[in-house]
C-alpha atoms as a PDB file:
ATOM      1  CA  MET A   1     127.356 235.481  32.362  1.00  0.00           C
ATOM      2  CA  THR A   2     127.169 231.745  33.580  1.00  0.00           C
ATOM      3  CA  ALA A   3     130.287 232.266  35.917  1.00  0.00           C
ATOM      4  CA  ALA A   4     128.585 235.343  37.327  1.00  0.00           C
ATOM      5  CA  LEU A   5     125.569 233.336  37.956  1.00  0.00           C
ATOM      6  CA  LEU A   6     127.216 230.579  39.481  1.00  0.00           C
ATOM      7  CA  GLY A   7     129.266 232.842  41.665  1.00  0.00           C
ATOM      8  CA  THR A   8     126.513 234.749  42.990  1.00  0.00           C
ATOM      9  CA  ALA A   9     124.052 231.792  43.428  1.00  0.00           C
ATOM     10  CA  CYS A  10     126.606 230.402  45.763  1.00  0.00           C
ATOM     11  CA  GLN A  11     126.859 233.510  47.975  1.00  0.00           C
ATOM     12  CA  GLU A  12     124.359 233.677  50.978  1.00  0.00           C
ATOM     13  CA  SER A  13     124.853 237.575  50.888  1.00  0.00           C
ATOM     14  CA  SER A  14     123.674 237.990  47.267  1.00  0.00           C
ATOM     15  CA  ASP A  15     120.172 240.089  46.855  1.00  0.00           C
ATOM     16  CA  PRO A  16     118.865 238.958  43.400  1.00  0.00           C
ATOM     17  CA  ALA A  17     115.702 240.955  43.984  1.00  0.00           C
ATOM     18  CA  ALA A  18     115.485 244.224  42.031  1.00  0.00           C
ATOM     19  CA  ALA A  19     113.440 246.894  43.063  1.00  0.00           C
ATOM     20  CA  PRO A  20     110.754 248.361  40.873  1.00  0.00           C
ATOM     21  CA  ARG A  21     112.458 251.223  38.896  1.00  0.00           C
ATOM     22  CA  SER A  22     109.155 253.511  38.306  1.00  0.00           C
ATOM     23  CA  ARG A  23     105.994 254.217  39.970  1.00  0.00           C
ATOM     24  CA  SER A  24     104.019 252.312  37.284  1.00  0.00           C
ATOM     25  CA  GLU A  25     106.117 249.180  37.858  1.00  0.00           C
ATOM     26  CA  ALA A  26     105.580 249.538  41.668  1.00  0.00           C
ATOM     27  CA  SER A  27     101.798 249.966  41.070  1.00  0.00           C
ATOM     28  CA  ALA A  28     101.888 246.839  38.574  1.00  0.00           C
ATOM     29  CA  THR A  29     103.870 244.883  41.211  1.00  0.00           C
ATOM     30  CA  ALA A  30     101.715 245.836  44.118  1.00  0.00           C
ATOM     31  CA  GLY A  31      98.693 244.608  42.122  1.00  0.00           C
ATOM     32  CA  LEU A  32     100.252 241.335  41.348  1.00  0.00           C
ATOM     33  CA  ALA A  33     101.033 240.886  45.069  1.00  0.00           C
ATOM     34  CA  ALA A  34      97.605 241.693  46.191  1.00  0.00           C
ATOM     35  CA  SER A  35      96.056 239.049  43.941  1.00  0.00           C
ATOM     36  CA  PRO A  36      98.223 235.966  43.499  1.00  0.00           C
ATOM     37  CA  SER A  37      97.220 233.735  40.553  1.00  0.00           C
ATOM     38  CA  PRO A  38      95.390 230.579  41.640  1.00  0.00           C
ATOM     39  CA  GLY A  39      98.400 228.406  40.238  1.00  0.00           C
ATOM     40  CA  ALA A  40     100.896 230.277  42.378  1.00  0.00           C
ATOM     41  CA  LYS A  41     103.695 228.101  43.706  1.00  0.00           C
ATOM     42  CA  THR A  42     105.218 228.421  47.104  1.00  0.00           C
ATOM     43  CA  ARG A  43     108.845 228.553  47.775  1.00  0.00           C
ATOM     44  CA  ASP A  44     108.751 224.959  49.030  1.00  0.00           C
ATOM     45  CA  GLU A  45     107.344 223.804  45.784  1.00  0.00           C
ATOM     46  CA  VAL A  46     109.888 225.567  43.676  1.00  0.00           C
ATOM     47  CA  ILE A  47     112.749 223.948  45.820  1.00  0.00           C
ATOM     48  CA  SER A  48     110.978 220.732  45.189  1.00  0.00           C
ATOM     49  CA  ASP A  49     110.997 221.376  41.471  1.00  0.00           C
ATOM     50  CA  PHE A  50     114.675 222.394  41.537  1.00  0.00           C
ATOM     51  CA  ARG A  51     115.468 219.048  43.506  1.00  0.00           C
ATOM     52  CA  TYR A  52     113.550 216.961  41.049  1.00  0.00           C
ATOM     53  CA  ALA A  53     115.207 218.708  38.000  1.00  0.00           C
ATOM     54  CA  THR A  54     118.735 218.183  39.293  1.00  0.00           C
ATOM     55  CA  LYS A  55     118.514 214.832  40.736  1.00  0.00           C
ATOM     56  CA  SER A  56     121.078 213.621  38.255  1.00  0.00           C
ATOM     57  CA  PHE A  57     123.904 215.821  39.671  1.00  0.00           C
ATOM     58  CA  ASP A  58     126.329 213.509  41.819  1.00  0.00           C
ATOM     59  CA  LEU A  59     127.129 216.090  44.482  1.00  0.00           C
ATOM     60  CA  GLY A  60     123.480 217.044  45.051  1.00  0.00           C
ATOM     61  CA  LEU A  61     121.580 220.271  45.338  1.00  0.00           C
ATOM     62  CA  THR A  62     122.645 223.075  47.908  1.00  0.00           C
ATOM     63  CA  VAL A  63     119.859 225.422  48.732  1.00  0.00           C
ATOM     64  CA  VAL A  64     121.033 228.937  49.955  1.00  0.00           C
ATOM     65  CA  LYS A  65     119.188 230.490  52.761  1.00  0.00           C
ATOM     66  CA  ASP A  66     117.903 233.877  51.910  1.00  0.00           C
ATOM     67  CA  PRO A  67     119.444 236.400  54.448  1.00  0.00           C
ATOM     68  CA  MET A  68     116.191 238.257  54.585  1.00  0.00           C
ATOM     69  CA  ASN A  69     114.037 235.362  55.090  1.00  0.00           C
ATOM     70  CA  ARG A  70     111.957 236.094  52.199  1.00  0.00           C
ATOM     71  CA  GLU A  71     109.438 233.488  50.801  1.00  0.00           C
ATOM     72  CA  CYS A  72     109.851 234.978  47.363  1.00  0.00           C
ATOM     73  CA  VAL A  73     113.333 234.064  46.724  1.00  0.00           C
ATOM     74  CA  ALA A  74     114.787 230.659  45.936  1.00  0.00           C
ATOM     75  CA  ASP A  75     118.390 230.140  45.179  1.00  0.00           C
ATOM     76  CA  ALA A  76     120.189 226.758  44.765  1.00  0.00           C
ATOM     77  CA  THR A  77     123.157 225.191  43.117  1.00  0.00           C
ATOM     78  CA  ALA A  78     123.587 221.526  41.912  1.00  0.00           C
ATOM     79  CA  PHE A  79     127.278 220.590  42.119  1.00  0.00           C
ATOM     80  CA  SER A  80     128.847 217.895  39.913  1.00  0.00           C
ATOM     81  CA  ARG A  81     132.260 216.007  39.923  1.00  0.00           C
ATOM     82  CA  THR A  82     132.457 216.821  36.152  1.00  0.00           C
ATOM     83  CA  GLU A  83     131.765 220.024  34.500  1.00  0.00           C
ATOM     84  CA  PRO A  84     128.215 220.260  33.379  1.00  0.00           C
ATOM     85  CA  GLY A  85     127.378 221.042  29.750  1.00  0.00           C
ATOM     86  CA  GLU A  86     124.522 221.403  27.220  1.00  0.00           C
ATOM     87  CA  LYS A  87     123.208 217.933  27.906  1.00  0.00           C
ATOM     88  CA  ASP A  88     122.916 218.386  31.635  1.00  0.00           C
ATOM     89  CA  LEU A  89     121.178 221.854  31.014  1.00  0.00           C
ATOM     90  CA  LEU A  90     118.789 220.509  28.493  1.00  0.00           C
ATOM     91  CA  ARG A  91     117.843 217.568  31.034  1.00  0.00           C
ATOM     92  CA  VAL A  92     117.278 220.042  33.807  1.00  0.00           C
ATOM     93  CA  VAL A  93     115.068 222.362  31.570  1.00  0.00           C
ATOM     94  CA  ASN A  94     113.112 219.514  30.342  1.00  0.00           C
ATOM     95  CA  ARG A  95     112.529 218.136  33.976  1.00  0.00           C
ATOM     96  CA  LEU A  96     111.465 221.647  35.047  1.00  0.00           C
ATOM     97  CA  LYS A  97     108.995 221.646  31.983  1.00  0.00           C
ATOM     98  CA  GLU A  98     107.661 218.307  33.379  1.00  0.00           C
ATOM     99  CA  ARG A  99     106.751 220.168  36.624  1.00  0.00           C
ATOM    100  CA  GLY A 100     104.821 223.030  34.901  1.00  0.00           C
ATOM    101  CA  TRP A 101     107.768 225.501  34.004  1.00  0.00           C
ATOM    102  CA  ARG A 102     107.603 227.377  30.604  1.00  0.00           C
ATOM    103  CA  LEU A 103     110.736 228.226  28.845  1.00  0.00           C
ATOM    104  CA  ARG A 104     111.063 232.100  28.061  1.00  0.00           C
ATOM    105  CA  GLY A 105     113.106 232.326  24.824  1.00  0.00           C
ATOM    106  CA  GLU A 106     115.619 229.819  23.968  1.00  0.00           C
ATOM    107  CA  VAL A 107     117.938 227.543  26.220  1.00  0.00           C
ATOM    108  CA  ASP A 108     121.372 229.374  26.234  1.00  0.00           C
ATOM    109  CA  THR A 109     124.190 226.811  26.852  1.00  0.00           C
ATOM    110  CA  ASP A 110     126.724 229.652  26.953  1.00  0.00           C
ATOM    111  CA  GLY A 111     124.650 232.027  29.152  1.00  0.00           C
ATOM    112  CA  ALA A 112     121.457 232.156  31.040  1.00  0.00           C
ATOM    113  CA  THR A 113     118.257 230.398  30.424  1.00  0.00           C
ATOM    114  CA  PHE A 114     114.884 231.724  31.641  1.00  0.00           C
ATOM    115  CA  LEU A 115     111.734 229.905  32.692  1.00  0.00           C
ATOM    116  CA  GLU A 116     108.487 230.714  34.593  1.00  0.00           C
ATOM    117  CA  SER A 117     106.027 229.053  36.636  1.00  0.00           C
ATOM    118  CA  GLY A 118     103.337 229.647  39.076  1.00  0.00           C
ATOM    119  CA  GLY A 119     104.250 233.273  39.411  1.00  0.00           C
ATOM    120  CA  TRP A 120     108.076 232.629  39.732  1.00  0.00           C
ATOM    121  CA  GLU A 121     110.638 233.434  37.260  1.00  0.00           C
ATOM    122  CA  THR A 122     113.941 231.447  37.178  1.00  0.00           C
ATOM    123  CA  ILE A 123     117.290 231.891  35.689  1.00  0.00           C
ATOM    124  CA  THR A 124     119.662 229.038  35.068  1.00  0.00           C
ATOM    125  CA  GLY A 125     123.043 228.229  33.732  1.00  0.00           C
ATOM    126  CA  VAL A 126     125.835 225.822  33.913  1.00  0.00           C
ATOM    127  CA  GLY A 127     129.609 226.244  34.007  1.00  0.00           C
ATOM    128  CA  PRO A 128     132.835 225.400  35.644  1.00  0.00           C
ATOM    129  CA  LEU A 129     133.504 226.569  39.358  1.00  0.00           C
ATOM    130  CA  LEU A 130     135.970 229.558  39.591  1.00  0.00           C
ATOM    131  CA  GLY A 131     137.735 231.346  42.284  1.00  0.00           C
ATOM    132  CA  GLU A 132     136.308 231.097  45.846  1.00  0.00           C
ATOM    133  CA  THR A 133     133.351 229.055  44.913  1.00  0.00           C
ATOM    134  CA  ALA A 134     135.917 226.310  43.622  1.00  0.00           C
ATOM    135  CA  ASP A 135     137.985 226.655  46.775  1.00  0.00           C
ATOM    136  CA  GLN A 136     134.768 226.110  48.946  1.00  0.00           C
ATOM    137  CA  HIS A 137     133.602 223.071  46.826  1.00  0.00           C
ATOM    138  CA  SER A 138     136.944 221.404  46.156  1.00  0.00           C
ATOM    139  CA  SER A 139     135.117 217.989  45.179  1.00  0.00           C
ATOM    140  CA  ALA A 140     133.101 219.740  42.457  1.00  0.00           C
ATOM    141  CA  ALA A 141     134.511 220.612  38.875  1.00  0.00           C
ATOM    142  CA  GLY A 142     131.255 222.395  37.798  1.00  0.00           C
ATOM    143  CA  ALA A 143     127.744 223.286  38.730  1.00  0.00           C
ATOM    144  CA  LEU A 144     124.171 224.240  37.605  1.00  0.00           C
ATOM    145  CA  ALA A 145     122.761 227.321  39.472  1.00  0.00           C
ATOM    146  CA  LEU A 146     119.058 228.129  39.739  1.00  0.00           C
ATOM    147  CA  SER A 147     117.839 231.511  40.906  1.00  0.00           C
ATOM    148  CA  ALA A 148     114.111 232.198  41.271  1.00  0.00           C
ATOM    149  CA  MET A 149     112.042 235.178  42.346  1.00  0.00           C
ATOM    150  CA  SER A 150     108.304 235.765  42.638  1.00  0.00           C
ATOM    151  CA  THR A 151     106.349 238.886  44.007  1.00  0.00           C
ATOM    152  CA  CYS A 152     107.193 239.653  47.556  1.00  0.00           C
ATOM    153  CA  THR A 153     104.430 240.812  49.951  1.00  0.00           C
ATOM    154  CA  LYS A 154     104.774 242.164  53.357  1.00  0.00           C
ATOM    155  CA  PRO A 155     102.012 241.740  56.024  1.00  0.00           C
ATOM    156  CA  PRO A 156     100.335 245.096  56.847  1.00  0.00           C
ATOM    157  CA  SER A 157     101.781 246.932  59.727  1.00  0.00           C
ATOM    158  CA  PRO A 158      99.905 246.905  63.076  1.00  0.00           C
ATOM    159  CA  SER A 159      97.877 250.138  63.574  1.00  0.00           C
ATOM    160  CA  PRO A 160      98.631 252.114  66.607  1.00  0.00           C
ATOM    161  CA  ARG A 161      95.713 252.274  68.928  1.00  0.00           C
END
């Protein structure tokens, strides 16, 4: 699971947004999009939280540009010369909690850990770099991936006159 997360977090072409599966889900999503909560975070705030949480990673944080320029998607990877483990993941989770993120479930050091804040949900995990990702980041032995989404809204289409 973590390897898949690390692999997809590094790809610019990945689309982590899942379309609603039913009409009721679409209605619920539309209702959420129409009235964002007062504590809603912006994409820039989410990225700022990611930077704060991962500042101990020695090769820094790489933010991936969403190919569709959506303001409701934030993907980033923090690279390290050493393979990050449980201690690193717990440090990141605790730092995200300092910024208002709430843990959903338990911290899963062998898979994915989920958090939420300000209308955003994020998944994070740590692990070694494998395959093409390892080739692209030869100075890194491992990474922590962060992928977050919130409700996307489109501006209304202009009415024909």
